[in-house]
Amino acid sequence: MNSNNPKPLNIEAGGLIEYPIPLLGIIAYSGTGKTTLLTKLLPILKAAGLRIAVVKHAQHQFEIDHPHKDSYELRKSGASQMLVASRGRMALIADTDERNEPDLQSTLPHLDHHALDLVLVEGFKHAPIQKIELHRPKLGKPLICQTDPNVIAIATDEAICSLPDGLPVLDLNQPEAIAHFIRQQLYRFGERPIHDPASHQSTNQLR
């Protein structure tokens, strides 16, 4: 965790967020199954040797601390940030301005990118990062890829017409195939597989 005065991130010339390691968004309308897919992808990617962080956008207020716990009482007594550390785990709880929606650029600097190979982002569908769109035609929602050029693939459970030319189509019910696609993109990120520390380069693009 990097909590020492994190600096805001810049947008690079291509219009995408600059970050030392790859960022990949998993985007979809509510009810499509973003979290369900991620819970299936994570063990597959971890078994391949990848160190992964997940950044999730929450639609509603949430509380991960609980009354009568020391950390909760200290925070409610006036601490605007509460860092709790124990053997094998660390958590930072920080109060933010409730009037403003969180943005990905202000969130990412809290991660320790030196200990990671990939950041998967759930939600933040308007963030300028490359993304895989999940789409279930039965839900009757429009395709995000029609208006977002940063979608690099679409995962669906049915055939779809009118997709952008050349956009890869993945089977939403085959997480192994989606994980393979992600690893292919990561392999192109450097000359060696990305979990090899020597393969890290200063770009965040999945090509």
N, C-alpha and C. Protein backbone atom coordinates (compact mmCIF):
# COMPACT_ATOMS: atom_id res chain seq x y z
N MET A 1 0.84 -1.19 0.00
CA MET A 1 0.00 0.00 0.00
C MET A 1 0.87 1.23 0.00
N ASN A 2 0.55 2.16 -0.86
CA ASN A 2 1.33 3.39 -0.96
C ASN A 2 0.47 4.54 -0.47
N SER A 3 0.68 4.95 0.77
CA SER A 3 -0.17 6.00 1.35
C SER A 3 0.60 7.27 1.64
N ASN A 4 1.85 7.37 1.16
CA ASN A 4 2.68 8.54 1.45
C ASN A 4 2.46 9.63 0.42
N ASN A 5 1.48 10.48 0.67
CA ASN A 5 1.18 11.61 -0.21
C ASN A 5 1.14 11.21 -1.68
N PRO A 6 0.21 10.32 -2.06
CA PRO A 6 0.16 9.89 -3.45
C PRO A 6 -0.09 11.05 -4.38
N LYS A 7 0.63 11.05 -5.51
CA LYS A 7 0.49 12.12 -6.48
C LYS A 7 -0.57 11.78 -7.51
N PRO A 8 -1.31 12.78 -8.00
CA PRO A 8 -2.31 12.50 -9.02
C PRO A 8 -1.65 12.01 -10.30
N LEU A 9 -2.36 11.18 -11.04
CA LEU A 9 -1.83 10.64 -12.28
C LEU A 9 -2.15 11.57 -13.44
N ASN A 10 -1.33 11.51 -14.46
CA ASN A 10 -1.54 12.31 -15.65
C ASN A 10 -2.21 11.48 -16.73
N ILE A 11 -2.80 12.17 -17.71
CA ILE A 11 -3.32 11.51 -18.89
C ILE A 11 -2.27 11.66 -19.98
N GLU A 12 -1.85 10.53 -20.57
CA GLU A 12 -0.80 10.60 -21.58
C GLU A 12 -1.37 11.08 -22.91
N ALA A 13 -0.49 11.26 -23.88
CA ALA A 13 -0.87 11.85 -25.16
C ALA A 13 -1.97 11.07 -25.85
N GLY A 14 -1.99 9.75 -25.69
CA GLY A 14 -3.01 8.94 -26.34
C GLY A 14 -4.36 9.00 -25.66
N GLY A 15 -4.46 9.75 -24.56
CA GLY A 15 -5.74 9.90 -23.89
C GLY A 15 -6.00 8.90 -22.79
N LEU A 16 -5.02 8.04 -22.46
CA LEU A 16 -5.19 7.03 -21.43
C LEU A 16 -4.37 7.38 -20.19
N ILE A 17 -4.81 6.85 -19.06
CA ILE A 17 -4.11 7.12 -17.80
C ILE A 17 -2.71 6.52 -17.84
N GLU A 18 -1.73 7.31 -17.44
CA GLU A 18 -0.36 6.81 -17.29
C GLU A 18 -0.25 6.04 -15.98
N TYR A 19 0.34 4.84 -16.05
CA TYR A 19 0.57 4.06 -14.84
C TYR A 19 1.71 3.09 -15.13
N PRO A 20 2.53 2.77 -14.13
CA PRO A 20 3.72 1.96 -14.39
C PRO A 20 3.43 0.52 -14.83
N ILE A 21 2.25 -0.01 -14.50
CA ILE A 21 1.90 -1.38 -14.90
C ILE A 21 0.56 -1.35 -15.62
N PRO A 22 0.19 -2.43 -16.30
CA PRO A 22 -1.05 -2.43 -17.08
C PRO A 22 -2.30 -2.26 -16.22
N LEU A 23 -3.23 -1.50 -16.77
CA LEU A 23 -4.56 -1.33 -16.20
C LEU A 23 -5.56 -1.95 -17.17
N LEU A 24 -6.49 -2.73 -16.66
CA LEU A 24 -7.51 -3.33 -17.51
C LEU A 24 -8.85 -3.23 -16.82
N GLY A 25 -9.78 -2.55 -17.45
CA GLY A 25 -11.11 -2.41 -16.88
C GLY A 25 -12.02 -3.57 -17.27
N ILE A 26 -12.88 -3.96 -16.36
CA ILE A 26 -13.96 -4.92 -16.62
C ILE A 26 -15.24 -4.12 -16.46
N ILE A 27 -15.90 -3.83 -17.59
CA ILE A 27 -17.04 -2.92 -17.55
C ILE A 27 -18.29 -3.61 -18.06
N ALA A 28 -19.43 -3.17 -17.54
CA ALA A 28 -20.72 -3.71 -17.95
C ALA A 28 -21.79 -2.96 -17.18
N TYR A 29 -23.01 -3.12 -17.63
CA TYR A 29 -24.13 -2.57 -16.87
C TYR A 29 -24.41 -3.46 -15.66
N SER A 30 -25.04 -2.89 -14.66
CA SER A 30 -25.35 -3.62 -13.43
C SER A 30 -26.14 -4.89 -13.74
N GLY A 31 -25.78 -5.97 -13.08
CA GLY A 31 -26.48 -7.23 -13.27
C GLY A 31 -25.89 -8.13 -14.33
N THR A 32 -24.83 -7.67 -14.99
CA THR A 32 -24.21 -8.47 -16.05
C THR A 32 -23.29 -9.54 -15.48
N GLY A 33 -22.68 -9.27 -14.34
CA GLY A 33 -21.82 -10.27 -13.71
C GLY A 33 -20.35 -9.93 -13.65
N LYS A 34 -20.04 -8.65 -13.42
CA LYS A 34 -18.63 -8.24 -13.36
C LYS A 34 -17.90 -8.92 -12.21
N THR A 35 -18.47 -8.82 -11.01
CA THR A 35 -17.81 -9.41 -9.84
C THR A 35 -17.74 -10.92 -9.96
N THR A 36 -18.80 -11.53 -10.46
CA THR A 36 -18.81 -12.99 -10.64
C THR A 36 -17.67 -13.43 -11.55
N LEU A 37 -17.49 -12.72 -12.65
CA LEU A 37 -16.39 -13.08 -13.56
C LEU A 37 -15.04 -12.86 -12.90
N LEU A 38 -14.87 -11.75 -12.20
CA LEU A 38 -13.59 -11.48 -11.56
C LEU A 38 -13.22 -12.56 -10.54
N THR A 39 -14.20 -13.04 -9.79
CA THR A 39 -13.91 -14.09 -8.80
C THR A 39 -13.47 -15.39 -9.47
N LYS A 40 -13.82 -15.55 -10.74
CA LYS A 40 -13.36 -16.72 -11.49
C LYS A 40 -12.02 -16.47 -12.17
N LEU A 41 -11.79 -15.24 -12.61
CA LEU A 41 -10.54 -14.91 -13.29
C LEU A 41 -9.36 -14.86 -12.32
N LEU A 42 -9.58 -14.32 -11.14
CA LEU A 42 -8.47 -14.08 -10.22
C LEU A 42 -7.68 -15.34 -9.87
N PRO A 43 -8.34 -16.45 -9.48
CA PRO A 43 -7.53 -17.63 -9.17
C PRO A 43 -6.78 -18.19 -10.38
N ILE A 44 -7.36 -18.04 -11.57
CA ILE A 44 -6.68 -18.52 -12.78
C ILE A 44 -5.43 -17.69 -13.04
N LEU A 45 -5.57 -16.38 -12.96
CA LEU A 45 -4.43 -15.49 -13.21
C LEU A 45 -3.38 -15.61 -12.11
N LYS A 46 -3.84 -15.78 -10.87
CA LYS A 46 -2.89 -15.95 -9.77
C LYS A 46 -2.09 -17.23 -9.93
N ALA A 47 -2.76 -18.29 -10.38
CA ALA A 47 -2.08 -19.57 -10.59
C ALA A 47 -1.02 -19.46 -11.69
N ALA A 48 -1.18 -18.48 -12.58
CA ALA A 48 -0.21 -18.24 -13.64
C ALA A 48 0.96 -17.38 -13.16
N GLY A 49 0.94 -17.00 -11.89
CA GLY A 49 2.05 -16.25 -11.32
C GLY A 49 1.88 -14.75 -11.32
N LEU A 50 0.69 -14.27 -11.66
CA LEU A 50 0.47 -12.83 -11.71
C LEU A 50 0.05 -12.28 -10.36
N ARG A 51 0.57 -11.13 -10.02
CA ARG A 51 0.20 -10.42 -8.79
C ARG A 51 -0.79 -9.32 -9.20
N ILE A 52 -1.99 -9.41 -8.67
CA ILE A 52 -3.08 -8.59 -9.19
C ILE A 52 -3.73 -7.78 -8.08
N ALA A 53 -4.03 -6.53 -8.40
CA ALA A 53 -4.87 -5.70 -7.54
C ALA A 53 -6.20 -5.50 -8.24
N VAL A 54 -7.24 -5.32 -7.45
CA VAL A 54 -8.56 -4.99 -7.98
C VAL A 54 -8.98 -3.66 -7.39
N VAL A 55 -9.41 -2.75 -8.24
CA VAL A 55 -10.00 -1.49 -7.81
C VAL A 55 -11.46 -1.53 -8.21
N LYS A 56 -12.35 -1.35 -7.25
CA LYS A 56 -13.79 -1.47 -7.52
C LYS A 56 -14.49 -0.16 -7.21
N HIS A 57 -15.37 0.24 -8.12
CA HIS A 57 -16.22 1.41 -7.88
C HIS A 57 -17.51 0.94 -7.22
N ALA A 58 -17.81 1.50 -6.04
CA ALA A 58 -19.04 1.16 -5.33
C ALA A 58 -20.10 2.22 -5.60
N GLN A 59 -21.30 1.78 -5.91
CA GLN A 59 -22.38 2.72 -6.24
C GLN A 59 -22.94 3.40 -5.00
N HIS A 60 -22.79 2.77 -3.85
CA HIS A 60 -23.40 3.30 -2.63
C HIS A 60 -22.35 3.44 -1.53
N GLN A 61 -22.71 4.16 -0.48
CA GLN A 61 -21.83 4.27 0.68
C GLN A 61 -21.62 2.89 1.29
N PHE A 62 -20.43 2.65 1.81
CA PHE A 62 -20.15 1.36 2.43
C PHE A 62 -19.34 1.59 3.69
N GLU A 63 -19.35 0.61 4.56
CA GLU A 63 -18.61 0.68 5.82
C GLU A 63 -17.89 -0.64 6.01
N ILE A 64 -16.56 -0.60 6.02
CA ILE A 64 -15.80 -1.83 6.24
C ILE A 64 -15.29 -1.92 7.67
N ASP A 65 -15.44 -0.84 8.42
CA ASP A 65 -15.09 -0.83 9.83
C ASP A 65 -16.38 -0.99 10.63
N HIS A 66 -16.28 -1.40 11.88
CA HIS A 66 -17.48 -1.71 12.64
C HIS A 66 -17.44 -1.07 14.03
N PRO A 67 -18.61 -0.65 14.53
CA PRO A 67 -18.66 -0.06 15.87
C PRO A 67 -18.05 -0.98 16.92
N HIS A 68 -17.45 -0.34 17.92
CA HIS A 68 -16.83 -1.01 19.06
C HIS A 68 -15.45 -1.58 18.75
N LYS A 69 -15.04 -1.54 17.46
CA LYS A 69 -13.66 -1.89 17.13
C LYS A 69 -12.78 -0.66 17.38
N ASP A 70 -11.55 -0.88 17.82
CA ASP A 70 -10.66 0.25 18.13
C ASP A 70 -10.49 1.17 16.93
N SER A 71 -10.29 0.60 15.76
CA SER A 71 -10.07 1.43 14.57
C SER A 71 -11.29 2.28 14.25
N TYR A 72 -12.47 1.71 14.44
CA TYR A 72 -13.71 2.46 14.19
C TYR A 72 -13.82 3.62 15.17
N GLU A 73 -13.57 3.37 16.44
CA GLU A 73 -13.70 4.41 17.46
C GLU A 73 -12.68 5.52 17.23
N LEU A 74 -11.46 5.16 16.84
CA LEU A 74 -10.44 6.18 16.57
C LEU A 74 -10.83 7.04 15.37
N ARG A 75 -11.36 6.41 14.34
CA ARG A 75 -11.75 7.17 13.14
C ARG A 75 -12.93 8.08 13.45
N LYS A 76 -13.90 7.56 14.16
CA LYS A 76 -15.07 8.37 14.49
C LYS A 76 -14.72 9.48 15.48
N SER A 77 -13.60 9.32 16.18
CA SER A 77 -13.17 10.36 17.12
C SER A 77 -12.47 11.52 16.42
N GLY A 78 -12.18 11.36 15.13
CA GLY A 78 -11.59 12.48 14.41
C GLY A 78 -10.50 12.16 13.41
N ALA A 79 -10.05 10.91 13.35
CA ALA A 79 -9.00 10.57 12.39
C ALA A 79 -9.58 10.53 10.98
N SER A 80 -9.08 11.37 10.09
CA SER A 80 -9.60 11.37 8.72
C SER A 80 -9.04 10.20 7.91
N GLN A 81 -7.90 9.65 8.34
CA GLN A 81 -7.36 8.44 7.76
C GLN A 81 -6.97 7.49 8.89
N MET A 82 -7.30 6.22 8.71
CA MET A 82 -6.99 5.22 9.71
C MET A 82 -6.25 4.06 9.04
N LEU A 83 -5.00 3.86 9.42
CA LEU A 83 -4.20 2.76 8.86
C LEU A 83 -4.07 1.68 9.91
N VAL A 84 -4.54 0.48 9.59
CA VAL A 84 -4.49 -0.65 10.51
C VAL A 84 -3.54 -1.68 9.93
N ALA A 85 -2.56 -2.10 10.71
CA ALA A 85 -1.57 -3.06 10.23
C ALA A 85 -1.45 -4.21 11.21
N SER A 86 -1.38 -5.40 10.67
CA SER A 86 -1.14 -6.59 11.47
C SER A 86 -0.22 -7.51 10.68
N ARG A 87 0.12 -8.63 11.26
CA ARG A 87 0.97 -9.58 10.55
C ARG A 87 0.21 -10.11 9.32
N GLY A 88 0.73 -9.80 8.15
CA GLY A 88 0.14 -10.34 6.92
C GLY A 88 -0.97 -9.51 6.31
N ARG A 89 -1.32 -8.36 6.90
CA ARG A 89 -2.42 -7.58 6.32
C ARG A 89 -2.31 -6.12 6.73
N MET A 90 -2.75 -5.24 5.83
CA MET A 90 -2.77 -3.81 6.11
C MET A 90 -3.99 -3.21 5.43
N ALA A 91 -4.63 -2.26 6.09
CA ALA A 91 -5.80 -1.62 5.50
C ALA A 91 -5.78 -0.13 5.82
N LEU A 92 -6.07 0.67 4.80
CA LEU A 92 -6.20 2.11 4.97
C LEU A 92 -7.66 2.49 4.79
N ILE A 93 -8.23 3.14 5.79
CA ILE A 93 -9.60 3.63 5.72
C ILE A 93 -9.53 5.15 5.72
N ALA A 94 -10.01 5.76 4.66
CA ALA A 94 -9.92 7.21 4.53
C ALA A 94 -11.28 7.78 4.18
N ASP A 95 -11.67 8.84 4.88
CA ASP A 95 -12.92 9.52 4.56
C ASP A 95 -12.68 10.47 3.39
N THR A 96 -13.63 10.49 2.46
CA THR A 96 -13.54 11.36 1.29
C THR A 96 -14.78 12.25 1.22
N ASP A 97 -14.74 13.20 0.33
CA ASP A 97 -15.86 14.14 0.16
C ASP A 97 -17.05 13.41 -0.45
N GLU A 98 -18.13 13.27 0.29
CA GLU A 98 -19.30 12.54 -0.18
C GLU A 98 -19.99 13.22 -1.35
N ARG A 99 -19.68 14.49 -1.59
CA ARG A 99 -20.34 15.21 -2.68
C ARG A 99 -19.75 14.85 -4.03
N ASN A 100 -18.58 14.23 -4.05
CA ASN A 100 -17.91 13.94 -5.31
C ASN A 100 -17.80 12.44 -5.54
N GLU A 101 -18.05 12.04 -6.79
CA GLU A 101 -17.84 10.66 -7.17
C GLU A 101 -16.33 10.38 -7.22
N PRO A 102 -15.90 9.20 -6.78
CA PRO A 102 -14.48 8.88 -6.87
C PRO A 102 -14.05 8.73 -8.32
N ASP A 103 -12.81 9.07 -8.61
CA ASP A 103 -12.29 8.85 -9.95
C ASP A 103 -11.06 7.96 -9.86
N LEU A 104 -10.82 7.22 -10.92
CA LEU A 104 -9.76 6.23 -10.90
C LEU A 104 -8.39 6.86 -10.71
N GLN A 105 -8.18 8.02 -11.29
CA GLN A 105 -6.86 8.66 -11.21
C GLN A 105 -6.45 8.97 -9.77
N SER A 106 -7.41 9.35 -8.93
CA SER A 106 -7.07 9.66 -7.54
C SER A 106 -6.98 8.41 -6.67
N THR A 107 -7.48 7.30 -7.17
CA THR A 107 -7.49 6.05 -6.41
C THR A 107 -6.22 5.24 -6.60
N LEU A 108 -5.73 5.18 -7.82
CA LEU A 108 -4.59 4.32 -8.15
C LEU A 108 -3.31 4.61 -7.36
N PRO A 109 -2.98 5.87 -7.05
CA PRO A 109 -1.73 6.11 -6.32
C PRO A 109 -1.67 5.46 -4.94
N HIS A 110 -2.78 4.98 -4.42
CA HIS A 110 -2.76 4.31 -3.12
C HIS A 110 -2.26 2.87 -3.22
N LEU A 111 -2.14 2.35 -4.45
CA LEU A 111 -1.64 0.99 -4.63
C LEU A 111 -0.11 1.00 -4.68
N ASP A 112 0.48 -0.09 -4.25
CA ASP A 112 1.93 -0.28 -4.36
C ASP A 112 2.19 -1.02 -5.67
N HIS A 113 2.43 -0.28 -6.74
CA HIS A 113 2.57 -0.92 -8.05
C HIS A 113 3.83 -1.76 -8.15
N HIS A 114 4.80 -1.53 -7.25
CA HIS A 114 6.02 -2.34 -7.28
C HIS A 114 5.74 -3.80 -6.92
N ALA A 115 4.63 -4.05 -6.23
CA ALA A 115 4.29 -5.40 -5.81
C ALA A 115 3.22 -6.02 -6.70
N LEU A 116 2.98 -5.42 -7.88
CA LEU A 116 1.89 -5.85 -8.74
C LEU A 116 2.35 -6.04 -10.18
N ASP A 117 1.61 -6.87 -10.90
CA ASP A 117 1.81 -7.05 -12.34
C ASP A 117 0.65 -6.50 -13.15
N LEU A 118 -0.52 -6.39 -12.54
CA LEU A 118 -1.72 -6.01 -13.26
C LEU A 118 -2.73 -5.43 -12.28
N VAL A 119 -3.44 -4.40 -12.72
CA VAL A 119 -4.56 -3.86 -11.95
C VAL A 119 -5.83 -4.08 -12.76
N LEU A 120 -6.76 -4.83 -12.20
CA LEU A 120 -8.08 -5.01 -12.79
C LEU A 120 -9.03 -4.01 -12.15
N VAL A 121 -9.77 -3.32 -12.97
CA VAL A 121 -10.65 -2.25 -12.50
C VAL A 121 -12.09 -2.65 -12.78
N GLU A 122 -12.88 -2.78 -11.72
CA GLU A 122 -14.31 -3.09 -11.88
C GLU A 122 -15.10 -1.79 -11.79
N GLY A 123 -15.88 -1.53 -12.81
CA GLY A 123 -16.61 -0.27 -12.86
C GLY A 123 -15.74 0.82 -13.45
N PHE A 124 -15.97 2.06 -13.00
CA PHE A 124 -15.24 3.21 -13.58
C PHE A 124 -15.27 3.13 -15.11
N LYS A 125 -16.47 2.85 -15.66
CA LYS A 125 -16.52 2.55 -17.10
C LYS A 125 -16.18 3.73 -17.99
N HIS A 126 -16.18 4.95 -17.43
CA HIS A 126 -15.80 6.11 -18.24
C HIS A 126 -14.32 6.46 -18.10
N ALA A 127 -13.60 5.72 -17.27
CA ALA A 127 -12.18 6.01 -17.07
C ALA A 127 -11.40 5.75 -18.35
N PRO A 128 -10.39 6.57 -18.64
CA PRO A 128 -9.61 6.40 -19.86
C PRO A 128 -8.55 5.30 -19.72
N ILE A 129 -9.02 4.06 -19.71
CA ILE A 129 -8.14 2.89 -19.68
C ILE A 129 -8.70 1.88 -20.67
N GLN A 130 -7.89 0.89 -21.02
CA GLN A 130 -8.38 -0.17 -21.89
C GLN A 130 -9.25 -1.13 -21.10
N LYS A 131 -10.26 -1.71 -21.78
CA LYS A 131 -11.31 -2.43 -21.07
C LYS A 131 -11.78 -3.65 -21.84
N ILE A 132 -12.30 -4.62 -21.10
CA ILE A 132 -13.09 -5.70 -21.66
C ILE A 132 -14.54 -5.43 -21.26
N GLU A 133 -15.42 -5.40 -22.24
CA GLU A 133 -16.84 -5.18 -21.95
C GLU A 133 -17.55 -6.53 -21.81
N LEU A 134 -18.37 -6.66 -20.78
CA LEU A 134 -19.24 -7.82 -20.62
C LEU A 134 -20.62 -7.44 -21.12
N HIS A 135 -21.22 -8.30 -21.92
CA HIS A 135 -22.52 -7.96 -22.52
C HIS A 135 -23.42 -9.19 -22.58
N ARG A 136 -24.62 -9.04 -22.04
CA ARG A 136 -25.65 -10.08 -22.14
C ARG A 136 -26.82 -9.49 -22.94
N PRO A 137 -27.01 -9.89 -24.20
CA PRO A 137 -28.07 -9.31 -25.02
C PRO A 137 -29.45 -9.37 -24.39
N LYS A 138 -29.72 -10.40 -23.59
CA LYS A 138 -31.05 -10.54 -22.99
C LYS A 138 -31.38 -9.40 -22.03
N LEU A 139 -30.37 -8.70 -21.53
CA LEU A 139 -30.63 -7.58 -20.63
C LEU A 139 -31.12 -6.35 -21.37
N GLY A 140 -30.96 -6.33 -22.69
CA GLY A 140 -31.47 -5.23 -23.49
C GLY A 140 -30.70 -3.92 -23.35
N LYS A 141 -29.46 -3.99 -22.95
CA LYS A 141 -28.65 -2.79 -22.78
C LYS A 141 -27.83 -2.51 -24.04
N PRO A 142 -27.52 -1.24 -24.30
CA PRO A 142 -26.71 -0.92 -25.49
C PRO A 142 -25.27 -1.37 -25.31
N LEU A 143 -24.59 -1.51 -26.42
CA LEU A 143 -23.18 -1.88 -26.39
C LEU A 143 -22.32 -0.67 -26.06
N ILE A 144 -21.51 -0.79 -25.03
CA ILE A 144 -20.61 0.30 -24.65
C ILE A 144 -19.52 0.48 -25.70
N CYS A 145 -19.11 -0.62 -26.32
CA CYS A 145 -18.01 -0.55 -27.29
C CYS A 145 -18.36 0.30 -28.51
N GLN A 146 -19.64 0.55 -28.74
CA GLN A 146 -20.03 1.37 -29.88
C GLN A 146 -19.58 2.82 -29.71
N THR A 147 -19.43 3.24 -28.46
CA THR A 147 -19.06 4.63 -28.20
C THR A 147 -17.75 4.78 -27.43
N ASP A 148 -17.15 3.66 -27.03
CA ASP A 148 -15.90 3.72 -26.26
C ASP A 148 -14.79 3.02 -27.04
N PRO A 149 -13.88 3.77 -27.63
CA PRO A 149 -12.80 3.16 -28.42
C PRO A 149 -11.77 2.43 -27.58
N ASN A 150 -11.85 2.54 -26.25
CA ASN A 150 -10.88 1.87 -25.39
C ASN A 150 -11.28 0.44 -25.05
N VAL A 151 -12.43 -0.03 -25.54
CA VAL A 151 -12.82 -1.43 -25.35
C VAL A 151 -11.99 -2.28 -26.30
N ILE A 152 -11.20 -3.21 -25.75
CA ILE A 152 -10.31 -4.03 -26.58
C ILE A 152 -10.87 -5.42 -26.86
N ALA A 153 -11.96 -5.80 -26.18
CA ALA A 153 -12.61 -7.09 -26.42
C ALA A 153 -13.99 -7.05 -25.77
N ILE A 154 -14.86 -7.94 -26.22
CA ILE A 154 -16.18 -8.05 -25.61
C ILE A 154 -16.42 -9.50 -25.24
N ALA A 155 -16.91 -9.73 -24.03
CA ALA A 155 -17.24 -11.07 -23.56
C ALA A 155 -18.76 -11.17 -23.47
N THR A 156 -19.34 -12.14 -24.14
CA THR A 156 -20.79 -12.23 -24.23
C THR A 156 -21.25 -13.68 -24.12
N ASP A 157 -22.53 -13.87 -23.82
CA ASP A 157 -23.09 -15.22 -23.74
C ASP A 157 -23.95 -15.55 -24.95
N GLU A 158 -24.05 -14.62 -25.91
CA GLU A 158 -24.80 -14.85 -27.14
C GLU A 158 -24.12 -14.13 -28.29
N ALA A 159 -24.49 -14.53 -29.50
CA ALA A 159 -23.95 -13.85 -30.68
C ALA A 159 -24.45 -12.41 -30.72
N ILE A 160 -23.60 -11.50 -31.19
CA ILE A 160 -23.93 -10.08 -31.25
C ILE A 160 -23.70 -9.58 -32.68
N CYS A 161 -24.64 -8.80 -33.17
CA CYS A 161 -24.47 -8.17 -34.47
C CYS A 161 -23.94 -6.75 -34.28
N SER A 162 -23.41 -6.20 -35.32
CA SER A 162 -23.00 -4.78 -35.36
C SER A 162 -21.89 -4.45 -34.37
N LEU A 163 -20.91 -5.32 -34.26
CA LEU A 163 -19.75 -5.01 -33.44
C LEU A 163 -18.73 -4.24 -34.27
N PRO A 164 -17.92 -3.41 -33.63
CA PRO A 164 -16.84 -2.74 -34.37
C PRO A 164 -15.94 -3.76 -35.06
N ASP A 165 -15.49 -3.45 -36.25
CA ASP A 165 -14.64 -4.36 -37.02
C ASP A 165 -13.39 -4.75 -36.23
N GLY A 166 -13.13 -6.05 -36.22
CA GLY A 166 -11.90 -6.54 -35.61
C GLY A 166 -11.92 -6.68 -34.10
N LEU A 167 -13.03 -6.35 -33.44
CA LEU A 167 -13.08 -6.46 -31.98
C LEU A 167 -13.17 -7.93 -31.58
N PRO A 168 -12.22 -8.43 -30.78
CA PRO A 168 -12.28 -9.82 -30.35
C PRO A 168 -13.53 -10.11 -29.53
N VAL A 169 -14.12 -11.28 -29.76
CA VAL A 169 -15.31 -11.71 -29.02
C VAL A 169 -14.94 -12.92 -28.18
N LEU A 170 -15.21 -12.84 -26.88
CA LEU A 170 -14.89 -13.91 -25.93
C LEU A 170 -16.17 -14.50 -25.37
N ASP A 171 -16.08 -15.74 -24.92
CA ASP A 171 -17.23 -16.42 -24.32
C ASP A 171 -17.30 -16.05 -22.84
N LEU A 172 -18.36 -15.37 -22.46
CA LEU A 172 -18.51 -14.91 -21.08
C LEU A 172 -18.56 -16.07 -20.10
N ASN A 173 -18.96 -17.25 -20.58
CA ASN A 173 -19.07 -18.42 -19.71
C ASN A 173 -17.80 -19.27 -19.68
N GLN A 174 -16.73 -18.75 -20.28
CA GLN A 174 -15.46 -19.47 -20.29
C GLN A 174 -14.36 -18.59 -19.70
N PRO A 175 -14.30 -18.48 -18.37
CA PRO A 175 -13.29 -17.61 -17.75
C PRO A 175 -11.86 -18.00 -18.10
N GLU A 176 -11.62 -19.30 -18.36
CA GLU A 176 -10.27 -19.71 -18.74
C GLU A 176 -9.85 -19.05 -20.05
N ALA A 177 -10.80 -18.95 -21.00
CA ALA A 177 -10.49 -18.33 -22.29
C ALA A 177 -10.26 -16.82 -22.13
N ILE A 178 -11.03 -16.20 -21.24
CA ILE A 178 -10.85 -14.76 -21.00
C ILE A 178 -9.51 -14.51 -20.32
N ALA A 179 -9.16 -15.37 -19.36
CA ALA A 179 -7.86 -15.25 -18.69
C ALA A 179 -6.72 -15.44 -19.69
N HIS A 180 -6.89 -16.37 -20.62
CA HIS A 180 -5.87 -16.59 -21.65
C HIS A 180 -5.71 -15.34 -22.52
N PHE A 181 -6.82 -14.70 -22.87
CA PHE A 181 -6.76 -13.47 -23.66
C PHE A 181 -5.99 -12.39 -22.90
N ILE A 182 -6.29 -12.25 -21.61
CA ILE A 182 -5.60 -11.24 -20.80
C ILE A 182 -4.10 -11.53 -20.76
N ARG A 183 -3.74 -12.78 -20.56
CA ARG A 183 -2.32 -13.14 -20.51
C ARG A 183 -1.64 -12.89 -21.85
N GLN A 184 -2.35 -13.11 -22.95
CA GLN A 184 -1.78 -12.81 -24.26
C GLN A 184 -1.45 -11.32 -24.38
N GLN A 185 -2.38 -10.49 -23.91
CA GLN A 185 -2.14 -9.05 -23.97
C GLN A 185 -0.97 -8.66 -23.08
N LEU A 186 -0.88 -9.28 -21.92
CA LEU A 186 0.22 -8.98 -21.00
C LEU A 186 1.55 -9.43 -21.58
N TYR A 187 1.56 -10.55 -22.26
CA TYR A 187 2.81 -11.04 -22.85
C TYR A 187 3.34 -10.04 -23.87
N ARG A 188 2.45 -9.40 -24.60
CA ARG A 188 2.86 -8.40 -25.58
C ARG A 188 3.35 -7.12 -24.92
N PHE A 189 3.05 -6.98 -23.64
CA PHE A 189 3.48 -5.80 -22.89
C PHE A 189 4.99 -5.72 -22.80
N GLY A 190 5.67 -6.88 -22.80
CA GLY A 190 7.12 -6.91 -22.71
C GLY A 190 7.67 -8.10 -23.45
N GLU A 191 8.97 -8.21 -23.49
CA GLU A 191 9.60 -9.31 -24.21
C GLU A 191 9.45 -10.62 -23.45
N ARG A 192 9.28 -10.54 -22.13
CA ARG A 192 9.10 -11.73 -21.31
C ARG A 192 7.75 -11.64 -20.62
N PRO A 193 7.23 -12.76 -20.11
CA PRO A 193 5.96 -12.70 -19.38
C PRO A 193 6.02 -11.65 -18.29
N ILE A 194 4.91 -11.00 -18.05
CA ILE A 194 4.93 -9.81 -17.20
C ILE A 194 5.27 -10.12 -15.75
N HIS A 195 5.03 -11.38 -15.28
CA HIS A 195 5.37 -11.66 -13.89
C HIS A 195 6.87 -11.80 -13.68
N ASP A 196 7.65 -11.81 -14.78
CA ASP A 196 9.10 -11.71 -14.67
C ASP A 196 9.44 -10.25 -14.39
N PRO A 197 10.04 -9.91 -13.22
CA PRO A 197 10.29 -8.50 -12.90
C PRO A 197 11.09 -7.78 -13.96
N ALA A 198 11.92 -8.49 -14.72
CA ALA A 198 12.73 -7.83 -15.73
C ALA A 198 11.91 -7.35 -16.91
N SER A 199 10.63 -7.77 -16.98
CA SER A 199 9.82 -7.41 -18.14
C SER A 199 9.11 -6.08 -17.97
N HIS A 200 9.15 -5.46 -16.78
CA HIS A 200 8.41 -4.24 -16.54
C HIS A 200 8.98 -3.09 -17.36
N GLN A 201 8.08 -2.33 -18.01
CA GLN A 201 8.44 -1.16 -18.77
C GLN A 201 7.51 -0.03 -18.38
N SER A 202 7.86 1.20 -18.71
CA SER A 202 7.06 2.34 -18.27
C SER A 202 5.96 2.66 -19.27
N THR A 203 4.96 1.79 -19.31
CA THR A 203 3.76 2.02 -20.12
C THR A 203 2.65 1.23 -19.48
N ASN A 204 1.42 1.58 -19.78
CA ASN A 204 0.31 0.85 -19.18
C ASN A 204 -0.58 0.23 -20.24
N GLN A 205 -0.12 0.21 -21.49
CA GLN A 205 -1.02 -0.19 -22.56
C GLN A 205 -0.99 -1.68 -22.81
N LEU A 206 -2.16 -2.27 -22.92
CA LEU A 206 -2.32 -3.63 -23.39
C LEU A 206 -2.49 -3.53 -24.89
N ARG A 207 -1.63 -4.18 -25.63
CA ARG A 207 -1.71 -4.00 -27.08
C ARG A 207 -2.28 -5.24 -27.72
